[in-house]
C-alpha atoms as a PDB file:
ATOM      1  CA  MET A   1     -78.921  78.366 -52.985  1.00  0.00           C
ATOM      2  CA  ASN A   2     -78.172  77.434 -49.368  1.00  0.00           C
ATOM      3  CA  ASN A   3     -76.887  79.807 -46.637  1.00  0.00           C
ATOM      4  CA  LEU A   4     -73.328  78.515 -46.910  1.00  0.00           C
ATOM      5  CA  SER A   5     -73.005  79.518 -50.551  1.00  0.00           C
ATOM      6  CA  LYS A   6     -74.267  83.048 -49.773  1.00  0.00           C
ATOM      7  CA  ARG A   7     -71.540  83.725 -47.222  1.00  0.00           C
ATOM      8  CA  ARG A   8     -68.905  86.222 -48.173  1.00  0.00           C
ATOM      9  CA  LYS A   9     -65.391  84.831 -48.497  1.00  0.00           C
ATOM     10  CA  PHE A  10     -62.466  86.737 -46.968  1.00  0.00           C
ATOM     11  CA  SER A  11     -58.844  86.246 -47.875  1.00  0.00           C
ATOM     12  CA  MET A  12     -56.251  85.603 -45.192  1.00  0.00           C
ATOM     13  CA  PRO A  13     -54.492  88.982 -45.782  1.00  0.00           C
ATOM     14  CA  SER A  14     -57.747  90.925 -45.260  1.00  0.00           C
ATOM     15  CA  LEU A  15     -58.525  88.983 -42.067  1.00  0.00           C
ATOM     16  CA  TRP A  16     -54.962  89.540 -40.859  1.00  0.00           C
ATOM     17  CA  GLY A  17     -55.290  93.258 -41.616  1.00  0.00           C
ATOM     18  CA  CYS A  18     -58.493  93.524 -39.570  1.00  0.00           C
ATOM     19  CA  ALA A  19     -56.872  91.672 -36.674  1.00  0.00           C
ATOM     20  CA  CYS A  20     -53.912  94.074 -36.777  1.00  0.00           C
ATOM     21  CA  ILE A  21     -56.253  97.061 -36.648  1.00  0.00           C
ATOM     22  CA  PHE A  22     -57.928  95.830 -33.472  1.00  0.00           C
ATOM     23  CA  ILE A  23     -54.616  94.915 -31.851  1.00  0.00           C
ATOM     24  CA  VAL A  24     -53.183  98.361 -32.634  1.00  0.00           C
ATOM     25  CA  ILE A  25     -56.305 100.104 -31.275  1.00  0.00           C
ATOM     26  CA  GLY A  26     -56.065  98.141 -28.036  1.00  0.00           C
ATOM     27  CA  CYS A  27     -52.352  98.847 -27.596  1.00  0.00           C
ATOM     28  CA  ASN A  28     -52.453 102.515 -28.562  1.00  0.00           C
ATOM     29  CA  LYS A  29     -53.688 104.192 -25.390  1.00  0.00           C
ATOM     30  CA  ASP A  30     -51.231 106.895 -24.287  1.00  0.00           C
ATOM     31  CA  LYS A  31     -51.740 109.314 -21.402  1.00  0.00           C
ATOM     32  CA  GLY A  32     -52.680 112.751 -22.616  1.00  0.00           C
ATOM     33  CA  THR A  33     -54.424 111.490 -25.734  1.00  0.00           C
ATOM     34  CA  THR A  34     -58.094 111.183 -26.402  1.00  0.00           C
ATOM     35  CA  ASP A  35     -59.659 107.965 -25.118  1.00  0.00           C
ATOM     36  CA  GLU A  36     -61.566 107.431 -28.340  1.00  0.00           C
ATOM     37  CA  ALA A  37     -59.797 105.814 -31.256  1.00  0.00           C
ATOM     38  CA  THR A  38     -60.444 107.328 -34.656  1.00  0.00           C
ATOM     39  CA  VAL A  39     -60.260 104.674 -37.342  1.00  0.00           C
ATOM     40  CA  SER A  40     -60.148 105.618 -41.031  1.00  0.00           C
ATOM     41  CA  GLU A  41     -58.966 103.317 -43.807  1.00  0.00           C
ATOM     42  CA  VAL A  42     -58.119 103.432 -47.495  1.00  0.00           C
ATOM     43  CA  GLY A  43     -58.277 100.368 -49.735  1.00  0.00           C
ATOM     44  CA  SER A  44     -54.515  99.862 -49.723  1.00  0.00           C
ATOM     45  CA  GLY A  45     -54.454  98.894 -46.048  1.00  0.00           C
ATOM     46  CA  ILE A  46     -53.416 102.271 -44.613  1.00  0.00           C
ATOM     47  CA  VAL A  47     -55.335 102.743 -41.370  1.00  0.00           C
ATOM     48  CA  VAL A  48     -55.389 105.857 -39.191  1.00  0.00           C
ATOM     49  CA  ILE A  49     -55.889 104.638 -35.652  1.00  0.00           C
ATOM     50  CA  GLN A  50     -55.888 107.916 -33.769  1.00  0.00           C
ATOM     51  CA  ALA A  51     -55.553 111.634 -34.507  1.00  0.00           C
ATOM     52  CA  TYR A  52     -55.457 114.325 -31.830  1.00  0.00           C
ATOM     53  CA  SER A  53     -54.311 117.889 -31.251  1.00  0.00           C
ATOM     54  CA  TYR A  54     -54.229 120.547 -28.551  1.00  0.00           C
ATOM     55  CA  PRO A  55     -55.744 124.050 -28.426  1.00  0.00           C
ATOM     56  CA  ALA A  56     -53.874 126.852 -30.229  1.00  0.00           C
ATOM     57  CA  GLU A  57     -54.557 130.544 -30.735  1.00  0.00           C
ATOM     58  CA  SER A  58     -55.336 132.043 -34.115  1.00  0.00           C
ATOM     59  CA  GLY A  59     -52.181 133.014 -36.039  1.00  0.00           C
ATOM     60  CA  SER A  60     -49.966 130.743 -33.958  1.00  0.00           C
ATOM     61  CA  VAL A  61     -48.385 127.315 -34.278  1.00  0.00           C
ATOM     62  CA  GLY A  62     -50.301 124.193 -33.322  1.00  0.00           C
ATOM     63  CA  VAL A  63     -49.446 120.511 -33.260  1.00  0.00           C
ATOM     64  CA  ALA A  64     -51.193 117.284 -34.234  1.00  0.00           C
ATOM     65  CA  TYR A  65     -50.337 113.650 -33.599  1.00  0.00           C
ATOM     66  CA  VAL A  66     -51.538 110.798 -35.811  1.00  0.00           C
ATOM     67  CA  SER A  67     -51.075 107.033 -35.490  1.00  0.00           C
ATOM     68  CA  ILE A  68     -51.036 105.248 -38.858  1.00  0.00           C
ATOM     69  CA  ALA A  69     -50.856 101.480 -39.418  1.00  0.00           C
ATOM     70  CA  ASN A  70     -49.900  99.909 -42.737  1.00  0.00           C
ATOM     71  CA  ALA A  71     -51.834  96.639 -42.963  1.00  0.00           C
ATOM     72  CA  GLY A  72     -51.229  96.530 -46.726  1.00  0.00           C
ATOM     73  CA  PRO A  73     -48.879  94.253 -48.655  1.00  0.00           C
ATOM     74  CA  GLY A  74     -46.222  96.895 -49.412  1.00  0.00           C
ATOM     75  CA  ASP A  75     -44.360  99.792 -47.860  1.00  0.00           C
ATOM     76  CA  ASP A  76     -45.798 103.300 -48.193  1.00  0.00           C
ATOM     77  CA  ARG A  77     -44.859 106.848 -47.218  1.00  0.00           C
ATOM     78  CA  LEU A  78     -46.786 109.790 -45.805  1.00  0.00           C
ATOM     79  CA  LEU A  79     -45.696 112.528 -48.231  1.00  0.00           C
ATOM     80  CA  SER A  80     -47.690 115.585 -47.211  1.00  0.00           C
ATOM     81  CA  VAL A  81     -50.509 116.807 -45.014  1.00  0.00           C
ATOM     82  CA  LYS A  82     -53.008 119.642 -45.485  1.00  0.00           C
ATOM     83  CA  SER A  83     -55.657 121.154 -43.246  1.00  0.00           C
ATOM     84  CA  PRO A  84     -58.070 124.055 -43.622  1.00  0.00           C
ATOM     85  CA  VAL A  85     -57.257 125.205 -40.053  1.00  0.00           C
ATOM     86  CA  CYS A  86     -53.747 126.383 -40.967  1.00  0.00           C
ATOM     87  CA  GLN A  87     -51.681 127.824 -43.777  1.00  0.00           C
ATOM     88  CA  LYS A  88     -49.212 124.929 -43.844  1.00  0.00           C
ATOM     89  CA  VAL A  89     -48.599 121.567 -42.192  1.00  0.00           C
ATOM     90  CA  GLU A  90     -45.003 120.365 -41.736  1.00  0.00           C
ATOM     91  CA  MET A  91     -43.856 116.899 -40.691  1.00  0.00           C
ATOM     92  CA  HIS A  92     -41.212 116.914 -37.930  1.00  0.00           C
ATOM     93  CA  ASP A  93     -39.205 114.512 -35.812  1.00  0.00           C
ATOM     94  CA  THR A  94     -37.755 115.427 -32.430  1.00  0.00           C
ATOM     95  CA  ILE A  95     -34.106 114.376 -32.148  1.00  0.00           C
ATOM     96  CA  ASN A  96     -31.452 114.555 -29.444  1.00  0.00           C
ATOM     97  CA  GLU A  97     -28.390 116.296 -30.854  1.00  0.00           C
ATOM     98  CA  GLU A  98     -25.523 116.397 -28.345  1.00  0.00           C
ATOM     99  CA  GLY A  99     -27.925 116.573 -25.393  1.00  0.00           C
ATOM    100  CA  VAL A 100     -30.162 119.215 -26.970  1.00  0.00           C
ATOM    101  CA  MET A 101     -33.654 118.295 -28.179  1.00  0.00           C
ATOM    102  CA  LYS A 102     -34.318 119.703 -31.656  1.00  0.00           C
ATOM    103  CA  MET A 103     -37.066 119.450 -34.224  1.00  0.00           C
ATOM    104  CA  LYS A 104     -36.014 118.176 -37.631  1.00  0.00           C
ATOM    105  CA  HIS A 105     -38.205 118.821 -40.667  1.00  0.00           C
ATOM    106  CA  GLN A 106     -38.925 115.610 -42.599  1.00  0.00           C
ATOM    107  CA  ASP A 107     -38.496 116.726 -46.221  1.00  0.00           C
ATOM    108  CA  PHE A 108     -39.424 113.307 -47.605  1.00  0.00           C
ATOM    109  CA  GLY A 109     -42.201 112.498 -45.146  1.00  0.00           C
ATOM    110  CA  PHE A 110     -42.509 109.438 -42.953  1.00  0.00           C
ATOM    111  CA  ALA A 111     -41.958 105.874 -44.205  1.00  0.00           C
ATOM    112  CA  ILE A 112     -44.487 103.286 -43.042  1.00  0.00           C
ATOM    113  CA  ALA A 113     -43.306  99.728 -43.692  1.00  0.00           C
ATOM    114  CA  ALA A 114     -45.821  96.974 -44.479  1.00  0.00           C
ATOM    115  CA  GLY A 115     -47.157  95.459 -41.268  1.00  0.00           C
ATOM    116  CA  LYS A 116     -45.776  98.342 -39.163  1.00  0.00           C
ATOM    117  CA  GLU A 117     -47.143 101.571 -37.766  1.00  0.00           C
ATOM    118  CA  LEU A 118     -46.102 105.174 -37.398  1.00  0.00           C
ATOM    119  CA  VAL A 119     -47.029 106.544 -33.974  1.00  0.00           C
ATOM    120  CA  MET A 120     -46.695 110.297 -33.610  1.00  0.00           C
ATOM    121  CA  LYS A 121     -46.490 111.504 -30.002  1.00  0.00           C
ATOM    122  CA  PRO A 122     -45.142 114.358 -27.882  1.00  0.00           C
ATOM    123  CA  GLY A 123     -41.340 114.274 -27.863  1.00  0.00           C
ATOM    124  CA  GLY A 124     -41.255 112.332 -31.146  1.00  0.00           C
ATOM    125  CA  SER A 125     -42.747 112.554 -34.619  1.00  0.00           C
ATOM    126  CA  HIS A 126     -45.486 115.166 -35.041  1.00  0.00           C
ATOM    127  CA  LEU A 127     -47.286 117.497 -37.436  1.00  0.00           C
ATOM    128  CA  MET A 128     -46.739 121.241 -37.013  1.00  0.00           C
ATOM    129  CA  LEU A 129     -49.757 123.392 -37.869  1.00  0.00           C
ATOM    130  CA  LEU A 130     -48.211 126.660 -39.064  1.00  0.00           C
ATOM    131  CA  GLY A 131     -50.260 129.857 -39.197  1.00  0.00           C
ATOM    132  CA  THR A 132     -53.535 128.729 -37.648  1.00  0.00           C
ATOM    133  CA  LYS A 133     -56.386 130.585 -39.390  1.00  0.00           C
ATOM    134  CA  ALA A 134     -58.702 130.550 -36.356  1.00  0.00           C
ATOM    135  CA  PRO A 135     -58.443 129.308 -32.776  1.00  0.00           C
ATOM    136  CA  VAL A 136     -58.090 125.544 -32.451  1.00  0.00           C
ATOM    137  CA  VAL A 137     -60.559 124.924 -29.632  1.00  0.00           C
ATOM    138  CA  GLY A 138     -60.506 122.059 -27.116  1.00  0.00           C
ATOM    139  CA  GLY A 139     -63.429 119.663 -27.401  1.00  0.00           C
ATOM    140  CA  GLN A 140     -63.866 120.333 -31.112  1.00  0.00           C
ATOM    141  CA  ALA A 141     -62.406 118.623 -34.189  1.00  0.00           C
ATOM    142  CA  PHE A 142     -60.961 119.644 -37.549  1.00  0.00           C
ATOM    143  CA  LYS A 143     -60.301 117.989 -40.908  1.00  0.00           C
ATOM    144  CA  MET A 144     -56.897 116.972 -42.198  1.00  0.00           C
ATOM    145  CA  THR A 145     -55.919 115.310 -45.486  1.00  0.00           C
ATOM    146  CA  LEU A 146     -53.049 112.812 -45.512  1.00  0.00           C
ATOM    147  CA  ASN A 147     -51.320 112.252 -48.873  1.00  0.00           C
ATOM    148  CA  PHE A 148     -49.397 109.029 -49.403  1.00  0.00           C
ATOM    149  CA  GLU A 149     -46.882 107.847 -51.990  1.00  0.00           C
ATOM    150  CA  LYS A 150     -48.965 104.799 -52.982  1.00  0.00           C
ATOM    151  CA  ALA A 151     -52.270 104.876 -51.109  1.00  0.00           C
ATOM    152  CA  ASP A 152     -55.058 107.268 -51.994  1.00  0.00           C
ATOM    153  CA  ALA A 153     -55.366 110.506 -50.027  1.00  0.00           C
ATOM    154  CA  LEU A 154     -57.216 110.060 -46.759  1.00  0.00           C
ATOM    155  CA  GLU A 155     -59.332 112.753 -45.079  1.00  0.00           C
ATOM    156  CA  ILE A 156     -59.443 112.345 -41.314  1.00  0.00           C
ATOM    157  CA  GLU A 157     -60.946 114.123 -38.348  1.00  0.00           C
ATOM    158  CA  VAL A 158     -58.536 115.345 -35.659  1.00  0.00           C
ATOM    159  CA  GLN A 159     -59.931 115.608 -32.117  1.00  0.00           C
ATOM    160  CA  VAL A 160     -58.729 118.616 -30.107  1.00  0.00           C
ATOM    161  CA  ASN A 161     -58.062 117.658 -26.485  1.00  0.00           C
ATOM    162  CA  GLN A 162     -58.982 120.062 -23.679  1.00  0.00           C
END
């Protein structure tokens, strides 16, 4: 068998998906976020590009921001989120209602269309960490599990900024 026949073959969709991941990583640098990209992927093409949080006291409310790309062939939805650092995680959007900024709970999660991404950021979509069980300390990280409508659950690590 020659070297050419031993080479692994990749389909165009998988190569396109990898290219999208690297493009999203390069374009996803916001001020106030960690400089390191956190990349986690499930087989369906759901890719978590970045996940970060800020310090919070024990028994309080914290916040986390996650950027998720859908490089898969079909639409998906982030249905729920869990973390051992808090009693409950809620998905929220920040909306402007008659000149007043308000948080709106997302009862049905966040849709992520095929080939698109969901970018959570301050002043926009975010995850509320309700009832923190211990201090969320800057410079450390914590686990979070993302549950999707179609893709398998994905456990990620959330970096806590200083």
